[in-house]
């Protein structure tokens, strides 16, 4: 696997490092899309702070519109590429739960899948001990590969659930 070089990533445009609360758990969602999960999750878990990142402008605009109609104090919508944002925003061991929901499996480039990327090691360093990673996909082969990578490459405990 290639070496990840966080020092090679510039901060996102107009980047402001967030102040993370020290008195409550911080959860991170990468690829928030139009924000359906983030908005629901933040409402259901008022005792945590949720950072929800979406790179795509069109999806983020829809997410932001929904958020602005009914702002949720414990939700931070972020329009950015997750890799440089995480590198510049999150200190080590700051996240207690990570959501990667319906990621693009990059059929032509397996090296760009989350658990195959060198960045994943850096991302793991941002998680607290015993943090939970929730990866959801409707593509069984992607889940199979992610489970194998989690167990063999990253030495992570895996619990697999099938939702119908």
N, C-alpha and C. Protein backbone atom coordinates (compact mmCIF):
# COMPACT_ATOMS: atom_id res chain seq x y z
N UNK A 1 0.84 -1.18 0.00
CA UNK A 1 0.00 0.00 0.00
C UNK A 1 0.89 1.25 0.00
N UNK A 2 0.44 2.25 -0.76
CA UNK A 2 1.18 3.51 -0.81
C UNK A 2 1.21 4.18 0.56
N UNK A 3 2.15 5.04 0.74
CA UNK A 3 2.26 5.81 1.96
C UNK A 3 1.40 7.06 1.85
N UNK A 4 0.61 7.35 2.87
CA UNK A 4 -0.20 8.56 2.89
C UNK A 4 0.64 9.69 3.46
N UNK A 5 0.62 10.82 2.78
CA UNK A 5 1.41 11.99 3.20
C UNK A 5 0.48 13.15 3.52
N UNK A 6 0.04 13.25 4.77
CA UNK A 6 -0.88 14.33 5.12
C UNK A 6 -0.28 15.71 4.90
N UNK A 7 1.03 15.84 5.00
CA UNK A 7 1.68 17.14 4.80
C UNK A 7 1.58 17.62 3.36
N UNK A 8 1.22 16.73 2.45
CA UNK A 8 1.11 17.09 1.03
C UNK A 8 -0.27 17.69 0.70
N UNK A 9 -1.19 17.66 1.66
CA UNK A 9 -2.54 18.16 1.41
C UNK A 9 -2.70 19.58 1.95
N UNK A 10 -3.10 20.47 1.08
CA UNK A 10 -3.38 21.85 1.50
C UNK A 10 -4.74 21.89 2.20
N UNK A 11 -4.90 22.83 3.07
CA UNK A 11 -6.19 23.02 3.73
C UNK A 11 -7.24 23.40 2.69
N UNK A 12 -8.49 22.99 2.90
CA UNK A 12 -9.55 23.39 1.97
C UNK A 12 -9.70 24.90 1.91
N UNK A 13 -10.22 25.40 0.81
CA UNK A 13 -10.45 26.84 0.63
C UNK A 13 -11.35 27.35 1.75
N UNK A 14 -11.04 28.51 2.27
CA UNK A 14 -11.80 29.15 3.35
C UNK A 14 -11.89 28.28 4.60
N UNK A 15 -10.88 27.46 4.82
CA UNK A 15 -10.89 26.52 5.93
C UNK A 15 -10.78 27.24 7.28
N UNK A 16 -11.62 26.83 8.20
CA UNK A 16 -11.55 27.28 9.58
C UNK A 16 -11.58 26.02 10.45
N UNK A 17 -10.56 25.84 11.26
CA UNK A 17 -10.50 24.66 12.12
C UNK A 17 -11.64 24.73 13.13
N UNK A 18 -12.46 23.67 13.20
CA UNK A 18 -13.58 23.70 14.15
C UNK A 18 -13.09 23.53 15.59
N UNK A 19 -13.82 24.12 16.49
CA UNK A 19 -13.55 23.89 17.91
C UNK A 19 -14.41 22.71 18.33
N UNK A 20 -13.76 21.61 18.65
CA UNK A 20 -14.48 20.41 19.03
C UNK A 20 -14.77 20.44 20.52
N UNK A 21 -15.96 20.05 20.91
CA UNK A 21 -16.30 20.07 22.34
C UNK A 21 -15.49 19.01 23.09
N UNK A 22 -15.09 19.34 24.29
CA UNK A 22 -14.35 18.37 25.10
C UNK A 22 -15.29 17.59 26.01
N UNK A 23 -16.53 18.04 26.11
CA UNK A 23 -17.47 17.43 27.05
C UNK A 23 -18.51 16.52 26.39
N UNK A 24 -18.37 16.28 25.11
CA UNK A 24 -19.34 15.39 24.44
C UNK A 24 -18.68 14.67 23.28
N UNK A 25 -19.26 13.55 22.92
CA UNK A 25 -18.73 12.74 21.83
C UNK A 25 -18.87 13.48 20.50
N UNK A 26 -17.90 13.25 19.62
CA UNK A 26 -17.95 13.81 18.27
C UNK A 26 -18.02 12.66 17.29
N UNK A 27 -19.04 12.67 16.45
CA UNK A 27 -19.21 11.68 15.40
C UNK A 27 -18.91 12.35 14.07
N UNK A 28 -18.46 11.55 13.11
CA UNK A 28 -18.10 12.05 11.78
C UNK A 28 -18.81 11.22 10.72
N UNK A 29 -19.43 11.91 9.78
CA UNK A 29 -20.02 11.25 8.61
C UNK A 29 -19.30 11.77 7.38
N UNK A 30 -18.74 10.85 6.61
CA UNK A 30 -18.07 11.20 5.36
C UNK A 30 -18.97 10.82 4.20
N UNK A 31 -19.24 11.77 3.33
CA UNK A 31 -20.13 11.52 2.20
C UNK A 31 -21.58 11.65 2.62
N UNK A 32 -21.93 12.79 3.18
CA UNK A 32 -23.26 12.99 3.76
C UNK A 32 -24.37 13.12 2.72
N UNK A 33 -24.01 13.29 1.46
CA UNK A 33 -25.03 13.44 0.42
C UNK A 33 -25.93 14.63 0.70
N UNK A 34 -27.23 14.43 0.59
CA UNK A 34 -28.18 15.52 0.81
C UNK A 34 -28.54 15.67 2.29
N UNK A 35 -27.86 14.92 3.15
CA UNK A 35 -27.98 15.11 4.59
C UNK A 35 -29.06 14.34 5.30
N UNK A 36 -29.72 13.40 4.64
CA UNK A 36 -30.83 12.70 5.28
C UNK A 36 -30.40 12.01 6.57
N UNK A 37 -29.32 11.25 6.52
CA UNK A 37 -28.86 10.57 7.73
C UNK A 37 -28.37 11.57 8.77
N UNK A 38 -27.58 12.53 8.36
CA UNK A 38 -27.00 13.49 9.30
C UNK A 38 -28.09 14.26 10.05
N UNK A 39 -29.08 14.75 9.34
CA UNK A 39 -30.15 15.52 9.97
C UNK A 39 -30.93 14.66 10.96
N UNK A 40 -31.26 13.45 10.57
CA UNK A 40 -32.00 12.54 11.45
C UNK A 40 -31.16 12.14 12.65
N UNK A 41 -29.93 11.76 12.40
CA UNK A 41 -29.03 11.30 13.46
C UNK A 41 -28.79 12.39 14.49
N UNK A 42 -28.51 13.60 14.05
CA UNK A 42 -28.25 14.71 14.98
C UNK A 42 -29.49 15.00 15.84
N UNK A 43 -30.67 14.91 15.24
CA UNK A 43 -31.90 15.13 16.02
C UNK A 43 -32.10 14.03 17.06
N UNK A 44 -31.78 12.81 16.68
CA UNK A 44 -32.00 11.67 17.58
C UNK A 44 -30.94 11.56 18.68
N UNK A 45 -29.80 12.20 18.50
CA UNK A 45 -28.69 12.09 19.45
C UNK A 45 -28.23 13.49 19.85
N UNK A 46 -29.04 14.18 20.60
CA UNK A 46 -28.73 15.55 20.99
C UNK A 46 -27.51 15.64 21.91
N UNK A 47 -27.06 14.51 22.44
CA UNK A 47 -25.94 14.50 23.36
C UNK A 47 -24.57 14.39 22.68
N UNK A 48 -24.56 14.34 21.35
CA UNK A 48 -23.30 14.24 20.59
C UNK A 48 -23.20 15.42 19.64
N UNK A 49 -22.02 15.62 19.08
CA UNK A 49 -21.84 16.56 17.97
C UNK A 49 -21.55 15.75 16.73
N UNK A 50 -22.23 16.04 15.64
CA UNK A 50 -22.03 15.32 14.39
C UNK A 50 -21.48 16.28 13.34
N UNK A 51 -20.35 15.90 12.78
CA UNK A 51 -19.76 16.62 11.64
C UNK A 51 -20.10 15.80 10.40
N UNK A 52 -20.75 16.41 9.45
CA UNK A 52 -21.18 15.71 8.23
C UNK A 52 -20.56 16.39 7.02
N UNK A 53 -19.70 15.66 6.32
CA UNK A 53 -18.95 16.22 5.20
C UNK A 53 -19.52 15.72 3.87
N UNK A 54 -19.71 16.64 2.95
CA UNK A 54 -20.11 16.29 1.59
C UNK A 54 -19.28 17.10 0.61
N UNK A 55 -18.72 16.44 -0.36
CA UNK A 55 -17.85 17.09 -1.35
C UNK A 55 -18.64 17.67 -2.52
N UNK A 56 -19.66 16.97 -2.97
CA UNK A 56 -20.39 17.36 -4.17
C UNK A 56 -21.23 18.61 -3.93
N UNK A 57 -21.03 19.62 -4.76
CA UNK A 57 -21.70 20.91 -4.57
C UNK A 57 -23.23 20.78 -4.61
N UNK A 58 -23.76 20.07 -5.58
CA UNK A 58 -25.21 19.96 -5.72
C UNK A 58 -25.83 19.26 -4.51
N UNK A 59 -25.22 18.17 -4.06
CA UNK A 59 -25.75 17.46 -2.88
C UNK A 59 -25.62 18.32 -1.64
N UNK A 60 -24.47 18.97 -1.48
CA UNK A 60 -24.29 19.79 -0.28
C UNK A 60 -25.29 20.94 -0.25
N UNK A 61 -25.58 21.53 -1.39
CA UNK A 61 -26.54 22.63 -1.43
C UNK A 61 -27.90 22.17 -0.91
N UNK A 62 -28.34 20.98 -1.30
CA UNK A 62 -29.62 20.44 -0.81
C UNK A 62 -29.54 20.18 0.69
N UNK A 63 -28.42 19.62 1.14
CA UNK A 63 -28.20 19.37 2.56
C UNK A 63 -28.27 20.69 3.33
N UNK A 64 -27.57 21.68 2.86
CA UNK A 64 -27.51 22.97 3.55
C UNK A 64 -28.89 23.64 3.58
N UNK A 65 -29.64 23.52 2.49
CA UNK A 65 -30.99 24.11 2.46
C UNK A 65 -31.87 23.48 3.54
N UNK A 66 -31.81 22.16 3.66
CA UNK A 66 -32.60 21.47 4.69
C UNK A 66 -32.15 21.88 6.08
N UNK A 67 -30.85 21.97 6.26
CA UNK A 67 -30.29 22.36 7.55
C UNK A 67 -30.71 23.79 7.93
N UNK A 68 -30.64 24.70 6.98
CA UNK A 68 -30.98 26.10 7.26
C UNK A 68 -32.46 26.30 7.56
N UNK A 69 -33.32 25.44 7.01
CA UNK A 69 -34.75 25.51 7.30
C UNK A 69 -35.05 25.15 8.75
N UNK A 70 -34.22 24.25 9.31
CA UNK A 70 -34.42 23.78 10.68
C UNK A 70 -33.05 23.45 11.28
N UNK A 71 -32.27 24.48 11.64
CA UNK A 71 -30.91 24.24 12.15
C UNK A 71 -30.90 23.36 13.40
N UNK A 72 -29.89 22.53 13.49
CA UNK A 72 -29.73 21.63 14.62
C UNK A 72 -28.40 22.00 15.27
N UNK A 73 -28.43 22.36 16.53
CA UNK A 73 -27.26 22.90 17.21
C UNK A 73 -26.07 21.94 17.24
N UNK A 74 -26.32 20.65 17.25
CA UNK A 74 -25.23 19.68 17.38
C UNK A 74 -24.78 19.10 16.03
N UNK A 75 -25.15 19.74 14.94
CA UNK A 75 -24.78 19.28 13.60
C UNK A 75 -23.93 20.35 12.92
N UNK A 76 -22.81 19.91 12.33
CA UNK A 76 -21.95 20.82 11.58
C UNK A 76 -21.86 20.30 10.14
N UNK A 77 -22.64 20.85 9.21
CA UNK A 77 -22.50 20.49 7.81
C UNK A 77 -21.21 21.11 7.25
N UNK A 78 -20.45 20.33 6.50
CA UNK A 78 -19.19 20.79 5.94
C UNK A 78 -19.16 20.48 4.46
N UNK A 79 -18.91 21.51 3.64
CA UNK A 79 -18.74 21.31 2.20
C UNK A 79 -17.26 21.29 1.90
N UNK A 80 -16.70 20.09 1.71
CA UNK A 80 -15.27 19.95 1.47
C UNK A 80 -14.96 18.53 1.03
N UNK A 81 -13.77 18.36 0.49
CA UNK A 81 -13.22 17.04 0.26
C UNK A 81 -12.80 16.52 1.62
N UNK A 82 -13.23 15.33 1.98
CA UNK A 82 -12.99 14.80 3.32
C UNK A 82 -11.51 14.63 3.66
N UNK A 83 -10.69 14.23 2.70
CA UNK A 83 -9.29 13.96 3.02
C UNK A 83 -8.56 15.18 3.56
N UNK A 84 -8.47 16.28 2.82
CA UNK A 84 -7.78 17.44 3.39
C UNK A 84 -8.50 18.03 4.60
N UNK A 85 -9.82 17.97 4.62
CA UNK A 85 -10.54 18.53 5.75
C UNK A 85 -10.19 17.76 7.02
N UNK A 86 -10.24 16.44 6.96
CA UNK A 86 -9.91 15.63 8.14
C UNK A 86 -8.47 15.87 8.57
N UNK A 87 -7.56 15.93 7.61
CA UNK A 87 -6.15 16.15 7.92
C UNK A 87 -5.95 17.45 8.70
N UNK A 88 -6.62 18.51 8.28
CA UNK A 88 -6.40 19.82 8.88
C UNK A 88 -7.32 20.14 10.04
N UNK A 89 -8.43 19.41 10.18
CA UNK A 89 -9.43 19.78 11.19
C UNK A 89 -9.42 18.91 12.44
N UNK A 90 -9.08 17.64 12.29
CA UNK A 90 -9.29 16.72 13.40
C UNK A 90 -7.99 16.31 14.08
N UNK A 91 -7.92 16.49 15.38
CA UNK A 91 -6.75 16.01 16.11
C UNK A 91 -6.84 14.49 16.32
N UNK A 92 -5.74 13.87 16.67
CA UNK A 92 -5.77 12.43 16.94
C UNK A 92 -6.80 12.10 18.03
N UNK A 93 -7.39 10.93 17.88
CA UNK A 93 -8.31 10.37 18.88
C UNK A 93 -9.43 11.33 19.27
N UNK A 94 -10.03 11.98 18.28
CA UNK A 94 -11.09 12.95 18.56
C UNK A 94 -12.49 12.47 18.17
N UNK A 95 -12.59 11.39 17.43
CA UNK A 95 -13.88 10.91 16.91
C UNK A 95 -14.27 9.61 17.60
N UNK A 96 -15.54 9.51 18.02
CA UNK A 96 -16.00 8.30 18.68
C UNK A 96 -16.84 7.40 17.78
N UNK A 97 -17.31 7.94 16.67
CA UNK A 97 -18.08 7.12 15.73
C UNK A 97 -17.91 7.70 14.33
N UNK A 98 -17.68 6.81 13.37
CA UNK A 98 -17.46 7.19 11.98
C UNK A 98 -18.49 6.51 11.10
N UNK A 99 -19.16 7.31 10.27
CA UNK A 99 -20.12 6.78 9.29
C UNK A 99 -19.56 6.96 7.89
N UNK A 100 -19.54 5.88 7.13
CA UNK A 100 -19.26 5.92 5.70
C UNK A 100 -20.44 5.20 5.06
N UNK A 101 -21.40 5.97 4.58
CA UNK A 101 -22.66 5.41 4.12
C UNK A 101 -22.77 5.45 2.61
N UNK A 102 -23.00 4.30 2.03
CA UNK A 102 -23.15 4.15 0.58
C UNK A 102 -22.02 4.79 -0.21
N UNK A 103 -20.80 4.40 0.10
CA UNK A 103 -19.67 4.98 -0.65
C UNK A 103 -19.66 4.49 -2.08
N UNK A 104 -19.10 5.30 -2.94
CA UNK A 104 -18.92 4.91 -4.33
C UNK A 104 -17.84 3.83 -4.36
N UNK A 105 -18.15 2.64 -4.86
CA UNK A 105 -17.15 1.56 -4.81
C UNK A 105 -16.03 1.67 -5.84
N UNK A 106 -16.03 2.72 -6.63
CA UNK A 106 -14.95 2.90 -7.62
C UNK A 106 -14.66 1.59 -8.37
N UNK A 107 -15.60 1.12 -9.19
CA UNK A 107 -15.42 -0.18 -9.85
C UNK A 107 -14.15 -0.29 -10.70
N UNK A 108 -13.70 0.82 -11.27
CA UNK A 108 -12.51 0.76 -12.13
C UNK A 108 -11.23 1.03 -11.37
N UNK A 109 -11.33 1.46 -10.11
CA UNK A 109 -10.13 1.80 -9.35
C UNK A 109 -10.28 1.36 -7.89
N UNK A 110 -10.04 0.09 -7.59
CA UNK A 110 -10.19 -0.41 -6.22
C UNK A 110 -9.30 0.32 -5.20
N UNK A 111 -8.21 0.91 -5.65
CA UNK A 111 -7.33 1.63 -4.73
C UNK A 111 -8.01 2.87 -4.14
N UNK A 112 -9.11 3.32 -4.76
CA UNK A 112 -9.83 4.50 -4.27
C UNK A 112 -10.96 4.15 -3.30
N UNK A 113 -11.11 2.87 -2.98
CA UNK A 113 -12.13 2.48 -2.00
C UNK A 113 -11.59 2.77 -0.61
N UNK A 114 -12.46 3.21 0.29
CA UNK A 114 -12.04 3.73 1.59
C UNK A 114 -11.06 2.83 2.33
N UNK A 115 -11.36 1.55 2.46
CA UNK A 115 -10.49 0.68 3.24
C UNK A 115 -9.25 0.24 2.47
N UNK A 116 -9.16 0.59 1.21
CA UNK A 116 -7.97 0.30 0.41
C UNK A 116 -7.03 1.50 0.30
N UNK A 117 -7.47 2.64 0.81
CA UNK A 117 -6.70 3.87 0.65
C UNK A 117 -5.69 4.05 1.79
N UNK A 118 -4.50 4.54 1.47
CA UNK A 118 -3.54 4.85 2.54
C UNK A 118 -4.11 5.86 3.55
N UNK A 119 -5.01 6.73 3.10
CA UNK A 119 -5.65 7.70 3.99
C UNK A 119 -6.37 7.01 5.14
N UNK A 120 -6.83 5.78 4.93
CA UNK A 120 -7.61 5.11 5.96
C UNK A 120 -6.81 4.96 7.26
N UNK A 121 -5.50 4.74 7.15
CA UNK A 121 -4.66 4.65 8.36
C UNK A 121 -4.69 5.98 9.11
N UNK A 122 -4.62 7.07 8.38
CA UNK A 122 -4.69 8.39 9.01
C UNK A 122 -6.06 8.58 9.66
N UNK A 123 -7.10 8.20 8.94
CA UNK A 123 -8.46 8.32 9.47
C UNK A 123 -8.60 7.52 10.77
N UNK A 124 -8.04 6.33 10.80
CA UNK A 124 -8.09 5.53 12.03
C UNK A 124 -7.40 6.24 13.19
N UNK A 125 -6.37 7.01 12.91
CA UNK A 125 -5.66 7.73 13.97
C UNK A 125 -6.50 8.85 14.56
N UNK A 126 -7.55 9.26 13.87
CA UNK A 126 -8.44 10.31 14.38
C UNK A 126 -9.52 9.71 15.28
N UNK A 127 -9.64 8.38 15.29
CA UNK A 127 -10.67 7.72 16.09
C UNK A 127 -10.15 7.41 17.48
N UNK A 128 -11.04 7.53 18.46
CA UNK A 128 -10.69 7.14 19.81
C UNK A 128 -10.63 5.62 19.90
N UNK A 129 -9.97 5.12 20.92
CA UNK A 129 -9.96 3.68 21.16
C UNK A 129 -11.41 3.21 21.30
N UNK A 130 -11.71 2.09 20.70
CA UNK A 130 -13.06 1.49 20.74
C UNK A 130 -14.11 2.31 19.99
N UNK A 131 -13.69 3.23 19.13
CA UNK A 131 -14.66 3.94 18.30
C UNK A 131 -15.32 2.95 17.36
N UNK A 132 -16.51 3.28 16.95
CA UNK A 132 -17.27 2.43 16.04
C UNK A 132 -17.20 3.00 14.63
N UNK A 133 -17.00 2.12 13.66
CA UNK A 133 -17.03 2.50 12.25
C UNK A 133 -18.26 1.83 11.65
N UNK A 134 -19.12 2.62 11.03
CA UNK A 134 -20.32 2.09 10.38
C UNK A 134 -20.16 2.31 8.89
N UNK A 135 -20.01 1.23 8.16
CA UNK A 135 -19.93 1.29 6.70
C UNK A 135 -21.18 0.59 6.17
N UNK A 136 -21.91 1.28 5.30
CA UNK A 136 -23.16 0.74 4.76
C UNK A 136 -23.08 0.79 3.25
N UNK A 137 -23.48 -0.31 2.62
CA UNK A 137 -23.54 -0.35 1.16
C UNK A 137 -24.62 -1.34 0.73
N UNK A 138 -25.17 -1.11 -0.43
CA UNK A 138 -26.11 -2.04 -1.02
C UNK A 138 -25.43 -2.90 -2.09
N UNK A 139 -24.11 -2.88 -2.11
CA UNK A 139 -23.34 -3.68 -3.07
C UNK A 139 -22.60 -4.76 -2.30
N UNK A 140 -23.10 -6.00 -2.33
CA UNK A 140 -22.52 -7.07 -1.51
C UNK A 140 -21.01 -7.27 -1.73
N UNK A 141 -20.53 -7.17 -2.95
CA UNK A 141 -19.11 -7.39 -3.19
C UNK A 141 -18.25 -6.30 -2.52
N UNK A 142 -18.77 -5.08 -2.46
CA UNK A 142 -18.06 -4.00 -1.78
C UNK A 142 -17.97 -4.27 -0.28
N UNK A 143 -19.08 -4.72 0.28
CA UNK A 143 -19.10 -5.04 1.72
C UNK A 143 -18.17 -6.20 2.01
N UNK A 144 -18.18 -7.22 1.14
CA UNK A 144 -17.28 -8.37 1.34
C UNK A 144 -15.83 -7.90 1.36
N UNK A 145 -15.45 -7.09 0.40
CA UNK A 145 -14.08 -6.59 0.33
C UNK A 145 -13.73 -5.72 1.54
N UNK A 146 -14.65 -4.84 1.92
CA UNK A 146 -14.41 -3.97 3.07
C UNK A 146 -14.25 -4.79 4.34
N UNK A 147 -15.06 -5.80 4.49
CA UNK A 147 -14.95 -6.67 5.68
C UNK A 147 -13.59 -7.37 5.70
N UNK A 148 -13.17 -7.88 4.56
CA UNK A 148 -11.86 -8.55 4.49
C UNK A 148 -10.73 -7.57 4.82
N UNK A 149 -10.78 -6.38 4.25
CA UNK A 149 -9.75 -5.38 4.53
C UNK A 149 -9.74 -4.98 6.00
N UNK A 150 -10.93 -4.79 6.56
CA UNK A 150 -11.03 -4.41 7.97
C UNK A 150 -10.37 -5.46 8.86
N UNK A 151 -10.63 -6.72 8.56
CA UNK A 151 -10.08 -7.80 9.39
C UNK A 151 -8.58 -8.01 9.15
N UNK A 152 -8.19 -8.12 7.88
CA UNK A 152 -6.82 -8.55 7.58
C UNK A 152 -5.80 -7.42 7.53
N UNK A 153 -6.17 -6.30 6.93
CA UNK A 153 -5.21 -5.20 6.80
C UNK A 153 -5.20 -4.33 8.04
N UNK A 154 -6.40 -3.96 8.52
CA UNK A 154 -6.50 -2.99 9.60
C UNK A 154 -6.69 -3.63 10.97
N UNK A 155 -6.88 -4.94 11.01
CA UNK A 155 -7.02 -5.67 12.28
C UNK A 155 -8.16 -5.11 13.14
N UNK A 156 -9.28 -4.83 12.49
CA UNK A 156 -10.44 -4.28 13.19
C UNK A 156 -11.46 -5.36 13.48
N UNK A 157 -12.14 -5.27 14.60
CA UNK A 157 -13.25 -6.19 14.85
C UNK A 157 -14.41 -5.84 13.91
N UNK A 158 -15.11 -6.83 13.42
CA UNK A 158 -16.18 -6.60 12.45
C UNK A 158 -17.43 -7.30 12.91
N UNK A 159 -18.53 -6.57 12.89
CA UNK A 159 -19.85 -7.14 13.08
C UNK A 159 -20.64 -6.79 11.82
N UNK A 160 -21.13 -7.81 11.17
CA UNK A 160 -21.84 -7.56 9.91
C UNK A 160 -23.32 -7.78 10.09
N UNK A 161 -24.09 -6.82 9.59
CA UNK A 161 -25.55 -6.90 9.67
C UNK A 161 -26.11 -6.81 8.26
N UNK A 162 -27.10 -7.61 7.97
CA UNK A 162 -27.79 -7.52 6.70
C UNK A 162 -29.15 -6.87 6.98
N UNK A 163 -29.39 -5.78 6.29
CA UNK A 163 -30.64 -5.06 6.45
C UNK A 163 -31.46 -5.26 5.18
N UNK A 164 -32.70 -5.65 5.36
CA UNK A 164 -33.54 -5.84 4.17
C UNK A 164 -34.68 -4.87 4.14
